[in-house]
Amino acid sequence: MQAWLCENPVGVDALTWQTLPTPQPNAGEVLIEIQAASLNFPDLLIVQNKYQMKPALPFVPGSEYAGVIQAVGEGVTHLRVGQSVACLSGTGGFATHTLAPAALCMPLPAGFPPVDAAAFIMIYATSWHALMDRASLKAGETVLVLGAAGGVGTAAIQIAKAAGARVIAAASSDEKCELCRQLGADATINYSVHTPRAGLRDAIKELTDGKGPDVVYDPVGGDFAEPAFRSIAWRGRYLVVGFASGPIPSLPLNLTLLKGASIVGVFWGDFARREPRANAQMMQTLADMYGKGLIKPVIDQTLPMSALHQAYAIMGSRSVKGKLVMVNP
């Protein structure tokens, strides 16, 4: 097998493409021949030693991937050789083969292409858990999605629309705003033309007739977090999904009192670990929605697995709409 190996987590440039022995699965594991692997923000942090999970060295990055099972370990009864699966295991995806915990593998129904499957679990599981579980989103409510043209943002738009919500999508360019409208957003805000405080608040106020959004979905953090929270509706729910902009914002807690609002943390990974049965039901719901055409990952582009350095550079430019996916020949 071949894989991108991280022997020293000092950045992307230290990754090297190496030939390694193809491993055999231990009990509870499967060997997957990888067809496609998506690039996620944690995949950048982990090779910079900035992510909360710090795998033992050396390791193969690539948190999310899809492929075909080549071998199964002892005790694995729900998966079989030749079966197509998607997996989000945190590492191992940027390779031709990997060992994966069988419990983390999502069997793929017929007609689920590997490129879509490799870009599916993280964004849709995160967005469903956030909107439907943590925020208890109801039909007719208004959702403001920050970073709406990114992976989780595009998923949040689709899930919120499927739930019957009104969606305001905020993104950093007219091109990205147009993509959000194509996905079903009812209104858009190009926040690159607004000052973080007054401009964003004025735009939200205008689009909600002064009421504010019932739910704010924030995977970005940074300068727009406080003005977005100040704009939230009475009994609103502010979803803390991530900090893609880098800085972790500080929100004045008196705002929760004045707005009767909630700040709600979203940690899908720990939800999946602590509540595996509920997570499995959620993933089945999402697979059914995909089959019905209600949700579909936005793929910015696909690149050969050998072009991983280029893919990281593209992601770092913040020009990606949806997801970048690496594919093996």
Foldseek 3Di string as FASTA:
>chain_A
DWAFKQQDLQFDVNTDIDDDDQDADAAQKFKFQFFKAWDDPVLGCQSNVNDPDPDDPIFGATFKTKGFTCHHYPPDDPDDGGFIWIFGHGGDRLTRMDMDRPLRIHTADPPCDGQQSNLPDPQQLLLCCQQCPFFVDAAAFEEEEEQLQEANNLNNLLVCVVRNYAYEYEHQDPVSQVVSVVSPHPHYHNCVPADLAPRVLVVQCVVVVNQAGQEYHDAAAPSNVANNLLRHHAQHEYEHRHHNPPDHDDYDPVSCVVRVYYYTYGDSVVCCVVPVVVSVVSVVVVSVCVVVVSDTFDEQEEAASVCVVVVVVVVVVVPGGTIYMHGYD
